[in-house]
C-alpha atoms as a PDB file:
ATOM      1  CA  MET A   1     156.155  10.354 149.439  1.00  0.00           C
ATOM      2  CA  SER A   2     155.365  11.243 145.853  1.00  0.00           C
ATOM      3  CA  SER A   3     153.607   8.633 143.787  1.00  0.00           C
ATOM      4  CA  ASP A   4     155.474   9.878 140.694  1.00  0.00           C
ATOM      5  CA  VAL A   5     158.407   7.623 141.555  1.00  0.00           C
ATOM      6  CA  PRO A   6     158.177   4.290 139.721  1.00  0.00           C
ATOM      7  CA  ALA A   7     157.605   1.317 142.020  1.00  0.00           C
ATOM      8  CA  ALA A   8     160.868  -0.320 140.967  1.00  0.00           C
ATOM      9  CA  SER A   9     162.948   2.659 142.147  1.00  0.00           C
ATOM     10  CA  ARG A  10     161.126   3.360 145.443  1.00  0.00           C
ATOM     11  CA  PRO A  11     162.953   2.363 148.618  1.00  0.00           C
ATOM     12  CA  GLU A  12     161.750  -0.691 150.509  1.00  0.00           C
ATOM     13  CA  GLY A  13     158.829  -0.182 152.887  1.00  0.00           C
ATOM     14  CA  VAL A  14     157.770   3.222 151.557  1.00  0.00           C
ATOM     15  CA  THR A  15     154.110   3.910 152.246  1.00  0.00           C
ATOM     16  CA  ILE A  16     152.116   5.797 149.653  1.00  0.00           C
ATOM     17  CA  CYS A  17     149.140   7.608 151.157  1.00  0.00           C
ATOM     18  CA  PHE A  18     145.991   7.235 149.061  1.00  0.00           C
ATOM     19  CA  GLY A  19     144.782  10.675 150.185  1.00  0.00           C
ATOM     20  CA  GLU A  20     147.929  12.449 149.054  1.00  0.00           C
ATOM     21  CA  ARG A  21     147.976  10.524 145.808  1.00  0.00           C
ATOM     22  CA  PHE A  22     144.302  11.232 145.121  1.00  0.00           C
ATOM     23  CA  ALA A  23     144.567  14.946 145.983  1.00  0.00           C
ATOM     24  CA  GLN A  24     147.385  15.315 143.436  1.00  0.00           C
ATOM     25  CA  SER A  25     145.441  13.532 140.709  1.00  0.00           C
ATOM     26  CA  GLU A  26     143.366  14.723 137.794  1.00  0.00           C
ATOM     27  CA  GLN A  27     140.477  12.739 139.298  1.00  0.00           C
ATOM     28  CA  PHE A  28     140.517  14.993 142.355  1.00  0.00           C
ATOM     29  CA  ASP A  29     140.515  18.074 140.139  1.00  0.00           C
ATOM     30  CA  ALA A  30     137.512  16.674 138.262  1.00  0.00           C
ATOM     31  CA  VAL A  31     135.619  15.847 141.474  1.00  0.00           C
ATOM     32  CA  PHE A  32     136.480  19.281 142.878  1.00  0.00           C
ATOM     33  CA  ARG A  33     135.171  21.043 139.746  1.00  0.00           C
ATOM     34  CA  GLN A  34     132.053  18.869 139.709  1.00  0.00           C
ATOM     35  CA  GLY A  35     131.337  19.647 143.353  1.00  0.00           C
ATOM     36  CA  MET A  36     131.864  23.386 143.073  1.00  0.00           C
ATOM     37  CA  GLU A  37     129.832  23.603 139.851  1.00  0.00           C
ATOM     38  CA  LEU A  38     127.015  21.731 141.569  1.00  0.00           C
ATOM     39  CA  VAL A  39     127.102  24.204 144.464  1.00  0.00           C
ATOM     40  CA  GLU A  40     126.841  27.106 142.003  1.00  0.00           C
ATOM     41  CA  ARG A  41     124.041  25.524 139.971  1.00  0.00           C
ATOM     42  CA  THR A  42     122.102  24.735 143.131  1.00  0.00           C
ATOM     43  CA  ALA A  43     122.435  28.295 144.419  1.00  0.00           C
ATOM     44  CA  ASP A  44     121.295  29.644 141.047  1.00  0.00           C
ATOM     45  CA  TYR A  45     118.331  27.257 140.999  1.00  0.00           C
ATOM     46  CA  LEU A  46     117.202  27.889 144.569  1.00  0.00           C
ATOM     47  CA  ASP A  47     117.504  31.674 144.185  1.00  0.00           C
ATOM     48  CA  GLY A  48     115.840  31.735 140.773  1.00  0.00           C
ATOM     49  CA  ARG A  49     113.691  29.144 139.099  1.00  0.00           C
ATOM     50  CA  GLY A  50     113.339  27.064 142.257  1.00  0.00           C
ATOM     51  CA  ARG A  51     111.961  29.968 144.223  1.00  0.00           C
ATOM     52  CA  THR A  52     109.362  30.585 141.524  1.00  0.00           C
ATOM     53  CA  GLU A  53     108.454  26.894 141.290  1.00  0.00           C
ATOM     54  CA  SER A  54     108.123  26.540 145.060  1.00  0.00           C
ATOM     55  CA  ARG A  55     105.566  29.347 145.265  1.00  0.00           C
ATOM     56  CA  GLY A  56     103.105  27.296 143.238  1.00  0.00           C
ATOM     57  CA  LEU A  57     103.305  24.242 145.493  1.00  0.00           C
ATOM     58  CA  LYS A  58     100.524  23.408 147.931  1.00  0.00           C
ATOM     59  CA  PRO A  59     100.959  21.692 151.309  1.00  0.00           C
ATOM     60  CA  PRO A  60     102.258  19.077 152.005  1.00  0.00           C
ATOM     61  CA  LEU A  61     104.395  19.374 148.843  1.00  0.00           C
ATOM     62  CA  SER A  62     105.558  22.879 149.809  1.00  0.00           C
ATOM     63  CA  VAL A  63     106.828  21.459 153.117  1.00  0.00           C
ATOM     64  CA  SER A  64     108.639  18.657 151.261  1.00  0.00           C
ATOM     65  CA  TYR A  65     110.219  21.226 148.951  1.00  0.00           C
ATOM     66  CA  ALA A  66     111.432  23.333 151.895  1.00  0.00           C
ATOM     67  CA  THR A  67     112.764  20.288 153.757  1.00  0.00           C
ATOM     68  CA  GLU A  68     114.549  18.848 150.748  1.00  0.00           C
ATOM     69  CA  SER A  69     116.054  22.155 149.669  1.00  0.00           C
ATOM     70  CA  MET A  70     117.503  22.547 153.200  1.00  0.00           C
ATOM     71  CA  ARG A  71     118.874  18.988 153.096  1.00  0.00           C
ATOM     72  CA  LEU A  72     120.339  19.669 149.652  1.00  0.00           C
ATOM     73  CA  THR A  73     122.013  22.846 150.874  1.00  0.00           C
ATOM     74  CA  THR A  74     123.414  21.083 153.947  1.00  0.00           C
ATOM     75  CA  ARG A  75     124.713  18.196 151.832  1.00  0.00           C
ATOM     76  CA  LEU A  76     126.455  20.581 149.464  1.00  0.00           C
ATOM     77  CA  LEU A  77     128.006  22.583 152.298  1.00  0.00           C
ATOM     78  CA  GLU A  78     129.490  19.373 153.692  1.00  0.00           C
ATOM     79  CA  LEU A  79     130.759  18.331 150.244  1.00  0.00           C
ATOM     80  CA  ALA A  80     132.303  21.723 149.578  1.00  0.00           C
ATOM     81  CA  SER A  81     133.946  21.733 153.024  1.00  0.00           C
ATOM     82  CA  TRP A  82     135.476  18.310 152.416  1.00  0.00           C
ATOM     83  CA  LEU A  83     136.739  19.296 148.971  1.00  0.00           C
ATOM     84  CA  LEU A  84     138.223  22.562 150.239  1.00  0.00           C
ATOM     85  CA  VAL A  85     140.012  20.799 153.110  1.00  0.00           C
ATOM     86  CA  GLN A  86     141.543  18.283 150.701  1.00  0.00           C
ATOM     87  CA  ARG A  87     142.648  21.047 148.335  1.00  0.00           C
ATOM     88  CA  SER A  88     144.144  23.016 151.242  1.00  0.00           C
ATOM     89  CA  VAL A  89     146.258  20.021 152.241  1.00  0.00           C
ATOM     90  CA  ARG A  90     147.344  19.459 148.647  1.00  0.00           C
ATOM     91  CA  ASP A  91     148.312  23.115 148.228  1.00  0.00           C
ATOM     92  CA  GLY A  92     150.252  23.151 151.513  1.00  0.00           C
ATOM     93  CA  GLU A  93     147.865  25.587 153.200  1.00  0.00           C
ATOM     94  CA  MET A  94     146.959  23.041 155.885  1.00  0.00           C
ATOM     95  CA  THR A  95     148.791  20.109 157.438  1.00  0.00           C
ATOM     96  CA  ARG A  96     147.407  16.580 157.324  1.00  0.00           C
ATOM     97  CA  GLU A  97     146.854  16.786 161.102  1.00  0.00           C
ATOM     98  CA  GLU A  98     144.872  20.035 160.796  1.00  0.00           C
ATOM     99  CA  ALA A  99     142.841  18.463 158.020  1.00  0.00           C
ATOM    100  CA  LEU A 100     141.978  15.474 160.191  1.00  0.00           C
ATOM    101  CA  LEU A 101     140.674  17.797 162.914  1.00  0.00           C
ATOM    102  CA  LYS A 102     138.574  19.693 160.345  1.00  0.00           C
ATOM    103  CA  ARG A 103     137.438  16.429 158.771  1.00  0.00           C
ATOM    104  CA  ASP A 104     136.016  15.240 162.079  1.00  0.00           C
ATOM    105  CA  GLN A 105     133.647  18.229 161.980  1.00  0.00           C
ATOM    106  CA  ILE A 106     132.365  17.347 158.501  1.00  0.00           C
ATOM    107  CA  LYS A 107     129.445  14.913 158.336  1.00  0.00           C
ATOM    108  CA  LEU A 108     129.439  12.990 155.073  1.00  0.00           C
ATOM    109  CA  ARG A 109     125.943  11.550 155.383  1.00  0.00           C
ATOM    110  CA  THR A 110     123.735  10.420 152.581  1.00  0.00           C
ATOM    111  CA  PHE A 111     120.455  11.406 154.224  1.00  0.00           C
ATOM    112  CA  GLY A 112     117.609  12.440 151.960  1.00  0.00           C
ATOM    113  CA  ARG A 113     118.113   9.801 149.321  1.00  0.00           C
ATOM    114  CA  PRO A 114     115.531  10.186 146.551  1.00  0.00           C
ATOM    115  CA  GLN A 115     113.944   6.781 147.216  1.00  0.00           C
ATOM    116  CA  SER A 116     113.238   7.757 150.833  1.00  0.00           C
ATOM    117  CA  ILE A 117     111.721  11.177 150.149  1.00  0.00           C
ATOM    118  CA  LYS A 118     107.975  11.318 150.446  1.00  0.00           C
ATOM    119  CA  ASN A 119     106.388  12.878 147.339  1.00  0.00           C
ATOM    120  CA  PHE A 120     109.774  12.938 145.558  1.00  0.00           C
ATOM    121  CA  SER A 121     108.246  12.367 142.128  1.00  0.00           C
ATOM    122  CA  GLU A 122     105.947  15.370 142.653  1.00  0.00           C
ATOM    123  CA  LEU A 123     108.745  17.823 143.454  1.00  0.00           C
ATOM    124  CA  PRO A 124     109.913  20.133 140.645  1.00  0.00           C
ATOM    125  CA  VAL A 125     112.256  18.404 138.188  1.00  0.00           C
ATOM    126  CA  GLY A 126     115.049  20.909 138.831  1.00  0.00           C
ATOM    127  CA  LEU A 127     115.106  20.133 142.546  1.00  0.00           C
ATOM    128  CA  ARG A 128     114.872  16.377 141.939  1.00  0.00           C
ATOM    129  CA  ASP A 129     117.816  16.479 139.534  1.00  0.00           C
ATOM    130  CA  LEU A 130     119.966  18.427 142.006  1.00  0.00           C
ATOM    131  CA  ILE A 131     119.068  16.052 144.848  1.00  0.00           C
ATOM    132  CA  GLU A 132     119.980  13.007 142.757  1.00  0.00           C
ATOM    133  CA  GLU A 133     123.245  14.513 141.525  1.00  0.00           C
ATOM    134  CA  SER A 134     124.283  15.697 144.993  1.00  0.00           C
ATOM    135  CA  THR A 135     123.446  12.327 146.542  1.00  0.00           C
ATOM    136  CA  ALA A 136     125.544  10.493 143.943  1.00  0.00           C
ATOM    137  CA  LEU A 137     128.463  12.867 144.514  1.00  0.00           C
ATOM    138  CA  MET A 138     128.114  12.533 148.291  1.00  0.00           C
ATOM    139  CA  GLU A 139     128.237   8.745 148.009  1.00  0.00           C
ATOM    140  CA  ARG A 140     131.340   8.957 145.817  1.00  0.00           C
ATOM    141  CA  ILE A 141     133.107  11.328 148.197  1.00  0.00           C
ATOM    142  CA  ALA A 142     132.087   9.228 151.205  1.00  0.00           C
ATOM    143  CA  ARG A 143     133.731   6.179 149.547  1.00  0.00           C
ATOM    144  CA  ILE A 144     136.892   8.173 148.823  1.00  0.00           C
ATOM    145  CA  ASP A 145     136.945   9.532 152.359  1.00  0.00           C
ATOM    146  CA  SER A 146     136.456   6.059 153.797  1.00  0.00           C
ATOM    147  CA  ALA A 147     139.400   4.755 151.788  1.00  0.00           C
ATOM    148  CA  MET A 148     141.503   7.686 152.972  1.00  0.00           C
ATOM    149  CA  ARG A 149     140.518   7.225 156.620  1.00  0.00           C
ATOM    150  CA  SER A 150     141.022   3.477 156.672  1.00  0.00           C
ATOM    151  CA  GLY A 151     144.682   3.961 155.933  1.00  0.00           C
ATOM    152  CA  ASP A 152     144.290   2.562 152.466  1.00  0.00           C
ATOM    153  CA  ALA A 153     147.935   2.794 151.567  1.00  0.00           C
ATOM    154  CA  GLU A 154     150.106   0.850 149.263  1.00  0.00           C
ATOM    155  CA  VAL A 155     153.267  -0.403 150.892  1.00  0.00           C
ATOM    156  CA  VAL A 156     155.954  -0.902 148.330  1.00  0.00           C
ATOM    157  CA  SER A 157     158.602  -3.413 149.306  1.00  0.00           C
ATOM    158  CA  ALA A 158     161.703  -4.504 147.510  1.00  0.00           C
ATOM    159  CA  PRO A 159     161.505  -8.066 146.277  1.00  0.00           C
ATOM    160  CA  THR A 160     162.787 -10.556 148.814  1.00  0.00           C
ATOM    161  CA  PRO A 161     166.059 -12.152 147.789  1.00  0.00           C
ATOM    162  CA  ASN A 162     165.781 -15.653 146.399  1.00  0.00           C
ATOM    163  CA  ALA A 163     167.422 -17.948 148.955  1.00  0.00           C
ATOM    164  CA  VAL A 164     168.436 -20.491 146.314  1.00  0.00           C
ATOM    165  CA  ASN A 165     170.179 -17.844 144.199  1.00  0.00           C
ATOM    166  CA  SER A 166     172.009 -16.554 147.275  1.00  0.00           C
ATOM    167  CA  LEU A 167     173.162 -20.066 148.168  1.00  0.00           C
ATOM    168  CA  MET A 168     174.257 -20.755 144.571  1.00  0.00           C
ATOM    169  CA  ALA A 169     176.291 -17.537 144.524  1.00  0.00           C
ATOM    170  CA  SER A 170     177.989 -18.534 147.780  1.00  0.00           C
ATOM    171  CA  LEU A 171     178.816 -21.992 146.436  1.00  0.00           C
ATOM    172  CA  GLN A 172     180.151 -20.561 143.206  1.00  0.00           C
ATOM    173  CA  ALA A 173     182.343 -18.150 145.118  1.00  0.00           C
ATOM    174  CA  ALA A 174     183.624 -20.935 147.394  1.00  0.00           C
ATOM    175  CA  PHE A 175     184.447 -23.368 144.600  1.00  0.00           C
ATOM    176  CA  SER A 176     185.478 -21.040 141.812  1.00  0.00           C
ATOM    177  CA  PRO A 177     188.956 -21.657 140.312  1.00  0.00           C
ATOM    178  CA  ALA A 178     190.078 -18.175 141.383  1.00  0.00           C
ATOM    179  CA  GLN A 179     189.609 -19.141 145.062  1.00  0.00           C
ATOM    180  CA  ARG A 180     191.891 -22.219 144.822  1.00  0.00           C
END
């Protein structure tokens, strides 16, 4: 059900899916743009400046660079997959059920956090910045995904009738002068 309908005019017991609501929001568009721009910047870095910077690294730092660039690429592929699945559902290109099957194949893990990377402070600044930004985005998307998967939905119910008011109306109707 669309979240554009004001709460007061929604029928009783209507469930609003967080995932549908989020996918239709400006926040989703912003996260989508941020994710895709990060993928592009990372590709540009790894194919350009990063490649040049990595050539000057000596072992074991060169091994750390290779490992972390692979983890970064994997993380971004998972993020992009998640974002594209959500956009496909929003645009009607995929059903919610199809999306759930695809989602089960996506691993939103936050491995390779900067604080756990050996020699992180010695890696080139460009790679460090991309790792930090991608980790923060992964954590944000993992929280959103968790909320979507946990059935975080708002159930909108009509207010329950006030028993006293109902009783008063019945009494008034029973004892009103028009009834006599």
